[in-house]
C-alpha atoms as a PDB file:
ATOM      1  CA  MET A   1      81.290 292.036 145.121  1.00  0.00           C
ATOM      2  CA  GLN A   2      82.912 289.815 142.543  1.00  0.00           C
ATOM      3  CA  LEU A   3      86.552 290.100 141.201  1.00  0.00           C
ATOM      4  CA  SER A   4      87.979 288.257 138.098  1.00  0.00           C
ATOM      5  CA  PHE A   5      91.278 287.434 137.854  1.00  0.00           C
ATOM      6  CA  GLN A   6      93.884 285.514 136.073  1.00  0.00           C
ATOM      7  CA  HIS A   7      97.251 283.337 137.874  1.00  0.00           C
ATOM      8  CA  ASN A   8      99.487 281.174 135.864  1.00  0.00           C
ATOM      9  CA  GLY A   9      96.974 280.821 132.913  1.00  0.00           C
ATOM     10  CA  ASN A  10      93.855 280.246 134.632  1.00  0.00           C
ATOM     11  CA  ALA A  11      91.360 282.798 135.595  1.00  0.00           C
ATOM     12  CA  TYR A  12      89.412 282.928 138.639  1.00  0.00           C
ATOM     13  CA  THR A  13      86.604 284.722 140.509  1.00  0.00           C
ATOM     14  CA  CYS A  14      86.062 285.205 143.640  1.00  0.00           C
ATOM     15  CA  ASP A  15      83.592 286.721 146.242  1.00  0.00           C
ATOM     16  CA  THR A  16      84.508 289.542 148.431  1.00  0.00           C
ATOM     17  CA  ASP A  17      80.806 289.222 150.743  1.00  0.00           C
ATOM     18  CA  ARG A  18      82.336 284.976 151.309  1.00  0.00           C
ATOM     19  CA  SER A  19      85.526 286.362 153.052  1.00  0.00           C
ATOM     20  CA  HIS A  20      87.024 284.257 156.059  1.00  0.00           C
ATOM     21  CA  SER A  21      89.540 286.036 158.644  1.00  0.00           C
ATOM     22  CA  LEU A  22      92.575 283.621 160.133  1.00  0.00           C
ATOM     23  CA  ALA A  23      93.570 285.678 162.545  1.00  0.00           C
ATOM     24  CA  ILE A  24      93.279 285.190 166.491  1.00  0.00           C
ATOM     25  CA  THR A  25      91.517 288.122 168.212  1.00  0.00           C
ATOM     26  CA  LEU A  26      93.964 289.474 170.100  1.00  0.00           C
ATOM     27  CA  ASP A  27      92.273 289.789 173.571  1.00  0.00           C
ATOM     28  CA  PHE A  28      94.045 291.800 175.919  1.00  0.00           C
ATOM     29  CA  ASN A  29      91.580 291.901 178.767  1.00  0.00           C
ATOM     30  CA  GLY A  30      91.277 287.896 178.225  1.00  0.00           C
ATOM     31  CA  PRO A  31      92.764 284.837 177.310  1.00  0.00           C
ATOM     32  CA  GLN A  32      95.580 284.979 174.894  1.00  0.00           C
ATOM     33  CA  VAL A  33      97.606 282.331 172.719  1.00  0.00           C
ATOM     34  CA  ASN A  34     101.247 282.705 173.970  1.00  0.00           C
ATOM     35  CA  PHE A  35     104.511 281.314 172.668  1.00  0.00           C
ATOM     36  CA  PHE A  36     107.456 280.999 174.995  1.00  0.00           C
ATOM     37  CA  GLN A  37     105.410 281.750 178.157  1.00  0.00           C
ATOM     38  CA  THR A  38     106.445 285.647 177.620  1.00  0.00           C
ATOM     39  CA  ASP A  39     104.459 288.742 178.986  1.00  0.00           C
ATOM     40  CA  LYS A  40     101.050 288.895 177.805  1.00  0.00           C
ATOM     41  CA  ALA A  41     100.458 291.559 175.743  1.00  0.00           C
ATOM     42  CA  THR A  42      98.658 294.458 177.337  1.00  0.00           C
ATOM     43  CA  ARG A  43      96.554 297.925 176.919  1.00  0.00           C
ATOM     44  CA  LYS A  44      96.610 300.834 178.948  1.00  0.00           C
ATOM     45  CA  PRO A  45      95.307 304.157 178.578  1.00  0.00           C
ATOM     46  CA  LEU A  46      97.794 306.832 178.094  1.00  0.00           C
ATOM     47  CA  GLN A  47      98.551 309.348 181.119  1.00  0.00           C
ATOM     48  CA  LEU A  48     100.073 312.461 180.517  1.00  0.00           C
ATOM     49  CA  GLY A  49     100.356 314.717 183.658  1.00  0.00           C
ATOM     50  CA  ASP A  50      97.119 315.069 185.654  1.00  0.00           C
ATOM     51  CA  PHE A  51      95.315 313.666 182.182  1.00  0.00           C
ATOM     52  CA  THR A  52      94.087 310.321 181.645  1.00  0.00           C
ATOM     53  CA  ALA A  53      92.602 308.983 178.548  1.00  0.00           C
ATOM     54  CA  ASP A  54      89.678 307.270 179.674  1.00  0.00           C
ATOM     55  CA  THR A  55      86.544 308.157 179.118  1.00  0.00           C
ATOM     56  CA  ARG A  56      85.385 305.561 182.231  1.00  0.00           C
ATOM     57  CA  VAL A  57      87.084 307.763 184.867  1.00  0.00           C
ATOM     58  CA  GLY A  58      86.437 311.527 183.129  1.00  0.00           C
ATOM     59  CA  GLY A  59      89.127 311.299 180.260  1.00  0.00           C
ATOM     60  CA  ASN A  60      87.254 313.465 176.849  1.00  0.00           C
ATOM     61  CA  CYS A  61      88.309 310.539 174.654  1.00  0.00           C
ATOM     62  CA  ASN A  62      90.054 307.012 174.537  1.00  0.00           C
ATOM     63  CA  VAL A  63      93.777 306.769 173.906  1.00  0.00           C
ATOM     64  CA  ASP A  64      95.588 302.731 174.626  1.00  0.00           C
ATOM     65  CA  ARG A  65      99.016 302.257 175.036  1.00  0.00           C
ATOM     66  CA  LEU A  66      99.824 298.855 173.464  1.00  0.00           C
ATOM     67  CA  THR A  67     102.184 296.492 174.852  1.00  0.00           C
ATOM     68  CA  MET A  68     103.250 293.552 172.782  1.00  0.00           C
ATOM     69  CA  ILE A  69     105.961 291.006 171.358  1.00  0.00           C
ATOM     70  CA  PRO A  70     104.530 290.296 167.710  1.00  0.00           C
ATOM     71  CA  HIS A  71     106.567 286.932 167.661  1.00  0.00           C
ATOM     72  CA  CYS A  72     104.836 285.651 171.179  1.00  0.00           C
ATOM     73  CA  ASN A  73     101.607 287.253 171.613  1.00  0.00           C
ATOM     74  CA  GLY A  74      99.475 286.046 168.628  1.00  0.00           C
ATOM     75  CA  THR A  75      98.731 286.234 164.652  1.00  0.00           C
ATOM     76  CA  HIS A  76     102.115 287.640 163.467  1.00  0.00           C
ATOM     77  CA  THR A  77     104.067 287.937 160.090  1.00  0.00           C
ATOM     78  CA  GLU A  78     107.572 287.966 159.899  1.00  0.00           C
ATOM     79  CA  THR A  79     110.354 288.329 157.555  1.00  0.00           C
ATOM     80  CA  VAL A  80     113.819 286.774 157.115  1.00  0.00           C
ATOM     81  CA  GLY A  81     114.684 289.841 159.151  1.00  0.00           C
ATOM     82  CA  HIS A  82     113.903 287.151 162.145  1.00  0.00           C
ATOM     83  CA  ILE A  83     117.289 285.332 161.440  1.00  0.00           C
ATOM     84  CA  VAL A  84     119.637 287.728 160.025  1.00  0.00           C
ATOM     85  CA  ASN A  85     121.613 290.907 161.302  1.00  0.00           C
ATOM     86  CA  ASN A  86     120.373 292.871 158.481  1.00  0.00           C
ATOM     87  CA  GLU A  87     116.858 295.104 158.836  1.00  0.00           C
ATOM     88  CA  VAL A  88     114.302 293.201 156.074  1.00  0.00           C
ATOM     89  CA  PRO A  89     111.263 295.308 157.372  1.00  0.00           C
ATOM     90  CA  ILE A  90     107.528 293.890 157.043  1.00  0.00           C
ATOM     91  CA  ALA A  91     106.598 296.783 155.445  1.00  0.00           C
ATOM     92  CA  ASP A  92     108.947 295.973 151.899  1.00  0.00           C
ATOM     93  CA  ALA A  93     108.439 292.281 152.221  1.00  0.00           C
ATOM     94  CA  VAL A  94     104.606 292.559 151.681  1.00  0.00           C
ATOM     95  CA  THR A  95     104.341 294.426 148.296  1.00  0.00           C
ATOM     96  CA  GLN A  96     101.255 292.260 146.992  1.00  0.00           C
ATOM     97  CA  PRO A  97      97.744 293.325 148.499  1.00  0.00           C
ATOM     98  CA  LEU A  98      96.424 289.953 146.904  1.00  0.00           C
ATOM     99  CA  MET A  99      97.366 286.227 146.185  1.00  0.00           C
ATOM    100  CA  LEU A 100      96.247 283.189 145.082  1.00  0.00           C
ATOM    101  CA  ALA A 101      96.664 280.856 148.089  1.00  0.00           C
ATOM    102  CA  SER A 102      95.785 276.809 148.626  1.00  0.00           C
ATOM    103  CA  LEU A 103      94.613 275.581 152.111  1.00  0.00           C
ATOM    104  CA  ILE A 104      95.730 272.221 153.133  1.00  0.00           C
ATOM    105  CA  SER A 105      95.279 270.482 156.467  1.00  0.00           C
ATOM    106  CA  VAL A 106      97.679 268.091 157.490  1.00  0.00           C
ATOM    107  CA  LYS A 107      97.653 265.658 160.768  1.00  0.00           C
ATOM    108  CA  THR A 108     100.799 266.280 163.307  1.00  0.00           C
ATOM    109  CA  SER A 109     100.456 263.325 165.167  1.00  0.00           C
ATOM    110  CA  THR A 110     103.312 261.708 163.499  1.00  0.00           C
ATOM    111  CA  LEU A 111     105.579 260.787 166.482  1.00  0.00           C
ATOM    112  CA  ALA A 112     109.203 261.089 165.466  1.00  0.00           C
ATOM    113  CA  PRO A 113     110.226 257.396 166.004  1.00  0.00           C
ATOM    114  CA  ASN A 114     107.276 256.712 163.304  1.00  0.00           C
ATOM    115  CA  THR A 115     108.643 258.678 160.652  1.00  0.00           C
ATOM    116  CA  PRO A 116     111.998 258.607 158.467  1.00  0.00           C
ATOM    117  CA  ASP A 117     111.971 262.157 158.840  1.00  0.00           C
ATOM    118  CA  SER A 118     115.004 264.315 160.155  1.00  0.00           C
ATOM    119  CA  TYR A 119     115.636 267.378 161.895  1.00  0.00           C
ATOM    120  CA  GLN A 120     118.746 269.249 163.444  1.00  0.00           C
ATOM    121  CA  PRO A 121     119.182 268.859 165.986  1.00  0.00           C
ATOM    122  CA  LYS A 122     118.066 265.410 166.596  1.00  0.00           C
ATOM    123  CA  LEU A 123     114.405 264.083 166.403  1.00  0.00           C
ATOM    124  CA  ALA A 124     113.633 263.472 170.129  1.00  0.00           C
ATOM    125  CA  ALA A 125     111.052 260.103 170.430  1.00  0.00           C
ATOM    126  CA  SER A 126     108.389 262.469 171.821  1.00  0.00           C
ATOM    127  CA  ASP A 127     108.349 265.329 169.064  1.00  0.00           C
ATOM    128  CA  GLN A 128     105.412 265.481 166.888  1.00  0.00           C
ATOM    129  CA  ILE A 129     106.134 266.393 163.615  1.00  0.00           C
ATOM    130  CA  ILE A 130     104.557 267.458 160.180  1.00  0.00           C
ATOM    131  CA  SER A 131     105.929 264.801 158.184  1.00  0.00           C
ATOM    132  CA  LEU A 132     107.135 264.683 154.303  1.00  0.00           C
ATOM    133  CA  SER A 133     104.766 262.113 153.954  1.00  0.00           C
ATOM    134  CA  ALA A 134     101.615 264.509 154.974  1.00  0.00           C
ATOM    135  CA  ILE A 135     102.798 267.199 153.378  1.00  0.00           C
ATOM    136  CA  GLU A 136     102.925 265.599 149.842  1.00  0.00           C
ATOM    137  CA  ALA A 137      99.702 263.867 150.214  1.00  0.00           C
ATOM    138  CA  ALA A 138      98.082 267.452 150.922  1.00  0.00           C
ATOM    139  CA  LEU A 139      99.900 269.626 148.089  1.00  0.00           C
ATOM    140  CA  LYS A 140      98.774 266.409 145.778  1.00  0.00           C
ATOM    141  CA  THR A 141      95.190 266.514 146.717  1.00  0.00           C
ATOM    142  CA  ALA A 142      94.812 270.295 146.161  1.00  0.00           C
ATOM    143  CA  LYS A 143      96.852 270.102 143.026  1.00  0.00           C
ATOM    144  CA  VAL A 144      99.884 273.182 144.166  1.00  0.00           C
ATOM    145  CA  ASP A 145     102.010 271.598 141.495  1.00  0.00           C
ATOM    146  CA  ARG A 146      99.376 272.812 138.865  1.00  0.00           C
ATOM    147  CA  ILE A 147      97.889 276.137 140.358  1.00  0.00           C
ATOM    148  CA  LYS A 148     101.560 277.415 141.661  1.00  0.00           C
ATOM    149  CA  PRO A 149      99.921 279.390 144.450  1.00  0.00           C
ATOM    150  CA  GLN A 150     101.765 282.465 145.778  1.00  0.00           C
ATOM    151  CA  ALA A 151     100.744 281.703 149.542  1.00  0.00           C
ATOM    152  CA  LEU A 152     100.031 278.155 151.235  1.00  0.00           C
ATOM    153  CA  ILE A 153      98.136 278.169 154.528  1.00  0.00           C
ATOM    154  CA  VAL A 154      98.622 275.318 155.995  1.00  0.00           C
ATOM    155  CA  ARG A 155      95.824 273.975 159.313  1.00  0.00           C
ATOM    156  CA  THR A 156      96.816 270.949 161.243  1.00  0.00           C
ATOM    157  CA  LEU A 157      94.935 268.041 162.930  1.00  0.00           C
ATOM    158  CA  PRO A 158      93.262 267.775 165.450  1.00  0.00           C
ATOM    159  CA  ASN A 159      92.052 271.330 165.226  1.00  0.00           C
ATOM    160  CA  SER A 160      91.415 272.132 168.129  1.00  0.00           C
ATOM    161  CA  THR A 161      89.891 275.913 169.008  1.00  0.00           C
ATOM    162  CA  ALA A 162      92.396 275.622 171.875  1.00  0.00           C
ATOM    163  CA  LYS A 163      94.656 277.204 169.700  1.00  0.00           C
ATOM    164  CA  LYS A 164      93.348 280.547 170.370  1.00  0.00           C
ATOM    165  CA  SER A 165      94.802 280.661 173.658  1.00  0.00           C
ATOM    166  CA  THR A 166      97.381 277.957 174.286  1.00  0.00           C
ATOM    167  CA  THR A 167     100.076 279.056 176.030  1.00  0.00           C
ATOM    168  CA  TYR A 168     102.837 276.845 174.354  1.00  0.00           C
ATOM    169  CA  ASN A 169     106.232 275.368 176.978  1.00  0.00           C
ATOM    170  CA  ALA A 170     107.854 272.469 177.525  1.00  0.00           C
ATOM    171  CA  GLU A 171     104.557 271.009 178.891  1.00  0.00           C
ATOM    172  CA  SER A 172     102.720 272.479 175.404  1.00  0.00           C
ATOM    173  CA  ALA A 173     105.130 272.001 173.192  1.00  0.00           C
ATOM    174  CA  PRO A 174     103.834 272.110 169.545  1.00  0.00           C
ATOM    175  CA  ALA A 175     104.571 270.074 166.556  1.00  0.00           C
ATOM    176  CA  PHE A 176     106.948 270.790 164.174  1.00  0.00           C
ATOM    177  CA  PHE A 177     107.581 270.457 160.615  1.00  0.00           C
ATOM    178  CA  SER A 178     110.427 268.254 159.593  1.00  0.00           C
ATOM    179  CA  ILE A 179     113.454 269.488 156.993  1.00  0.00           C
ATOM    180  CA  GLU A 180     111.930 267.062 154.258  1.00  0.00           C
ATOM    181  CA  ALA A 181     108.529 268.500 154.657  1.00  0.00           C
ATOM    182  CA  MET A 182     109.795 271.956 154.995  1.00  0.00           C
ATOM    183  CA  ARG A 183     111.894 271.308 151.787  1.00  0.00           C
ATOM    184  CA  ALA A 184     108.591 269.792 149.882  1.00  0.00           C
ATOM    185  CA  ILE A 185     106.950 273.559 150.500  1.00  0.00           C
ATOM    186  CA  ILE A 186     109.975 275.463 149.736  1.00  0.00           C
ATOM    187  CA  ASP A 187     109.811 273.681 146.433  1.00  0.00           C
ATOM    188  CA  THR A 188     106.330 274.279 145.410  1.00  0.00           C
ATOM    189  CA  GLY A 189     107.808 278.291 144.979  1.00  0.00           C
ATOM    190  CA  VAL A 190     105.383 279.715 147.448  1.00  0.00           C
ATOM    191  CA  GLU A 191     106.464 283.535 148.940  1.00  0.00           C
ATOM    192  CA  HIS A 192     103.994 283.744 151.709  1.00  0.00           C
ATOM    193  CA  LEU A 193     103.760 280.593 154.070  1.00  0.00           C
ATOM    194  CA  LEU A 194     100.900 280.465 156.828  1.00  0.00           C
ATOM    195  CA  ILE A 195     100.691 278.263 159.923  1.00  0.00           C
ATOM    196  CA  ASP A 196      98.800 277.742 162.826  1.00  0.00           C
ATOM    197  CA  LEU A 197     101.543 276.644 164.612  1.00  0.00           C
ATOM    198  CA  PRO A 198     103.954 278.995 166.611  1.00  0.00           C
ATOM    199  CA  SER A 199     106.702 278.430 164.310  1.00  0.00           C
ATOM    200  CA  VAL A 200     108.320 276.022 161.634  1.00  0.00           C
ATOM    201  CA  ASP A 201     111.037 274.497 164.070  1.00  0.00           C
ATOM    202  CA  ARG A 202     110.983 272.695 166.950  1.00  0.00           C
ATOM    203  CA  MET A 203     110.127 275.357 170.268  1.00  0.00           C
ATOM    204  CA  GLN A 204     113.416 274.223 171.778  1.00  0.00           C
ATOM    205  CA  ASP A 205     115.899 273.513 168.938  1.00  0.00           C
ATOM    206  CA  GLU A 206     119.300 275.127 170.278  1.00  0.00           C
ATOM    207  CA  GLY A 207     118.685 278.406 168.602  1.00  0.00           C
ATOM    208  CA  ARG A 208     119.535 276.774 165.230  1.00  0.00           C
ATOM    209  CA  LEU A 209     115.804 277.592 163.596  1.00  0.00           C
ATOM    210  CA  THR A 210     116.887 275.252 161.344  1.00  0.00           C
ATOM    211  CA  ASN A 211     113.343 275.372 158.686  1.00  0.00           C
ATOM    212  CA  HIS A 212     113.449 279.091 159.196  1.00  0.00           C
ATOM    213  CA  HIS A 213     117.262 278.793 157.449  1.00  0.00           C
ATOM    214  CA  ALA A 214     116.090 276.758 154.812  1.00  0.00           C
ATOM    215  CA  TYR A 215     113.106 278.520 153.879  1.00  0.00           C
ATOM    216  CA  TRP A 216     114.710 281.486 153.598  1.00  0.00           C
ATOM    217  CA  ASN A 217     117.829 280.402 152.425  1.00  0.00           C
ATOM    218  CA  VAL A 218     120.143 281.647 154.997  1.00  0.00           C
ATOM    219  CA  PRO A 219     123.271 279.097 155.598  1.00  0.00           C
ATOM    220  CA  GLN A 220     122.529 277.047 158.877  1.00  0.00           C
ATOM    221  CA  GLY A 221     124.531 278.801 161.857  1.00  0.00           C
ATOM    222  CA  THR A 222     124.998 282.475 160.340  1.00  0.00           C
ATOM    223  CA  HIS A 223     123.265 285.378 160.418  1.00  0.00           C
ATOM    224  CA  GLU A 224     123.662 286.925 157.061  1.00  0.00           C
ATOM    225  CA  LEU A 225     121.992 287.906 153.626  1.00  0.00           C
ATOM    226  CA  THR A 226     123.551 286.760 150.665  1.00  0.00           C
ATOM    227  CA  THR A 227     122.581 287.286 147.385  1.00  0.00           C
ATOM    228  CA  ASP A 228     120.556 283.801 147.117  1.00  0.00           C
ATOM    229  CA  THR A 229     118.569 285.056 150.715  1.00  0.00           C
ATOM    230  CA  ALA A 230     114.988 284.394 149.839  1.00  0.00           C
ATOM    231  CA  THR A 231     114.355 288.718 151.018  1.00  0.00           C
ATOM    232  CA  ASN A 232     110.609 288.311 149.332  1.00  0.00           C
ATOM    233  CA  LYS A 233     108.895 285.891 151.347  1.00  0.00           C
ATOM    234  CA  THR A 234     107.230 285.784 154.828  1.00  0.00           C
ATOM    235  CA  ILE A 235     106.178 283.264 157.242  1.00  0.00           C
ATOM    236  CA  THR A 236     103.003 283.842 159.034  1.00  0.00           C
ATOM    237  CA  GLU A 237     101.927 282.278 162.234  1.00  0.00           C
ATOM    238  CA  MET A 238      99.668 281.796 164.630  1.00  0.00           C
ATOM    239  CA  ILE A 239      96.725 281.758 162.375  1.00  0.00           C
ATOM    240  CA  PHE A 240      93.281 279.733 163.240  1.00  0.00           C
ATOM    241  CA  VAL A 241      91.304 278.603 160.170  1.00  0.00           C
ATOM    242  CA  GLU A 242      88.062 277.347 161.393  1.00  0.00           C
ATOM    243  CA  ASP A 243      86.793 273.501 160.544  1.00  0.00           C
ATOM    244  CA  LEU A 244      84.186 275.389 158.563  1.00  0.00           C
ATOM    245  CA  ILE A 245      86.277 275.864 155.631  1.00  0.00           C
ATOM    246  CA  GLN A 246      87.082 273.364 153.298  1.00  0.00           C
ATOM    247  CA  ASP A 247      90.920 272.833 151.956  1.00  0.00           C
ATOM    248  CA  GLY A 248      90.855 274.183 148.442  1.00  0.00           C
ATOM    249  CA  THR A 249      92.245 277.412 146.507  1.00  0.00           C
ATOM    250  CA  PHE A 250      91.193 281.068 147.701  1.00  0.00           C
ATOM    251  CA  LEU A 251      92.443 284.892 147.295  1.00  0.00           C
ATOM    252  CA  LEU A 252      94.272 285.760 150.024  1.00  0.00           C
ATOM    253  CA  SER A 253      95.149 289.374 151.497  1.00  0.00           C
ATOM    254  CA  LEU A 254      97.916 289.380 154.297  1.00  0.00           C
ATOM    255  CA  GLN A 255      97.302 292.536 155.626  1.00  0.00           C
ATOM    256  CA  PRO A 256     100.383 292.975 157.639  1.00  0.00           C
ATOM    257  CA  PRO A 257     100.782 296.889 158.816  1.00  0.00           C
ATOM    258  CA  ALA A 258     103.930 298.640 157.256  1.00  0.00           C
ATOM    259  CA  PHE A 259     105.901 298.118 160.543  1.00  0.00           C
ATOM    260  CA  ALA A 260     109.964 299.225 160.008  1.00  0.00           C
ATOM    261  CA  SER A 261     110.005 296.067 161.873  1.00  0.00           C
ATOM    262  CA  ASP A 262     110.969 292.086 161.204  1.00  0.00           C
ATOM    263  CA  ALA A 263     107.643 290.906 162.192  1.00  0.00           C
ATOM    264  CA  ALA A 264     104.251 292.839 163.014  1.00  0.00           C
ATOM    265  CA  PRO A 265     100.779 291.546 163.867  1.00  0.00           C
ATOM    266  CA  CYS A 266      98.968 290.951 160.828  1.00  0.00           C
ATOM    267  CA  ARG A 267      94.892 289.731 160.313  1.00  0.00           C
ATOM    268  CA  PRO A 268      94.958 287.425 156.790  1.00  0.00           C
ATOM    269  CA  VAL A 269      92.182 287.461 154.866  1.00  0.00           C
ATOM    270  CA  ILE A 270      90.618 284.711 152.462  1.00  0.00           C
ATOM    271  CA  PHE A 271      88.357 284.536 149.897  1.00  0.00           C
ATOM    272  CA  GLU A 272      86.306 282.004 148.200  1.00  0.00           C
ATOM    273  CA  LEU A 273      86.110 281.382 144.651  1.00  0.00           C
ATOM    274  CA  ILE A 274      83.036 281.152 142.833  1.00  0.00           C
END
């Protein structure tokens, strides 16, 4: 099927048969990507008295009880409710079923001492960051200032398939955005940011979540909504973009469930433009 649409005065056509899921499959019985070494996501048959909802042990149907932590157990979308006292449900933040998205690729090999960029708390010598210069170059190549996409998808390089099963901890700390790089992303005006990292912030950051606060325009050190808070914006973390998908412009369907929660698993799908 082909869909034709307009965005920012430009005409586009996409082919729904040429789609790519950016979600990491959550294998309840196998390796899982994991943040902060939290409990793995689990699946167990429903047990009601003597009845077990598992056809393999005599049940007449299969009914699983799933236990997971969306922020830590795979691809998920989150709202500003992640950092404020107020409830901002994912069901209210993602209201557009389809949106224009730009996919860019950036290197994460920049060590903190090799860049003028900053972060709070202060960068450590071993920190790997996504720098302002890397983001600016990628945004320029993607012509984001002209296209004005509603979503930005960031693929980090190198793009190892280990991203699908890495346990991020002190020994395998992920890269993160510098303050300046995050500001450049904010300045594009995108409302939905998708990354293949477990967080836009440093894993151990004294609880500041500096880039989360900047992205949603919540004053540092506070946990309250203001009239300036960007409650319509979301961050999707721990996606995976296959190498065969080239940087460019796509139609995006974010596809989170209608949870009354600040975060939920999701299955972002992008459609190629023709």
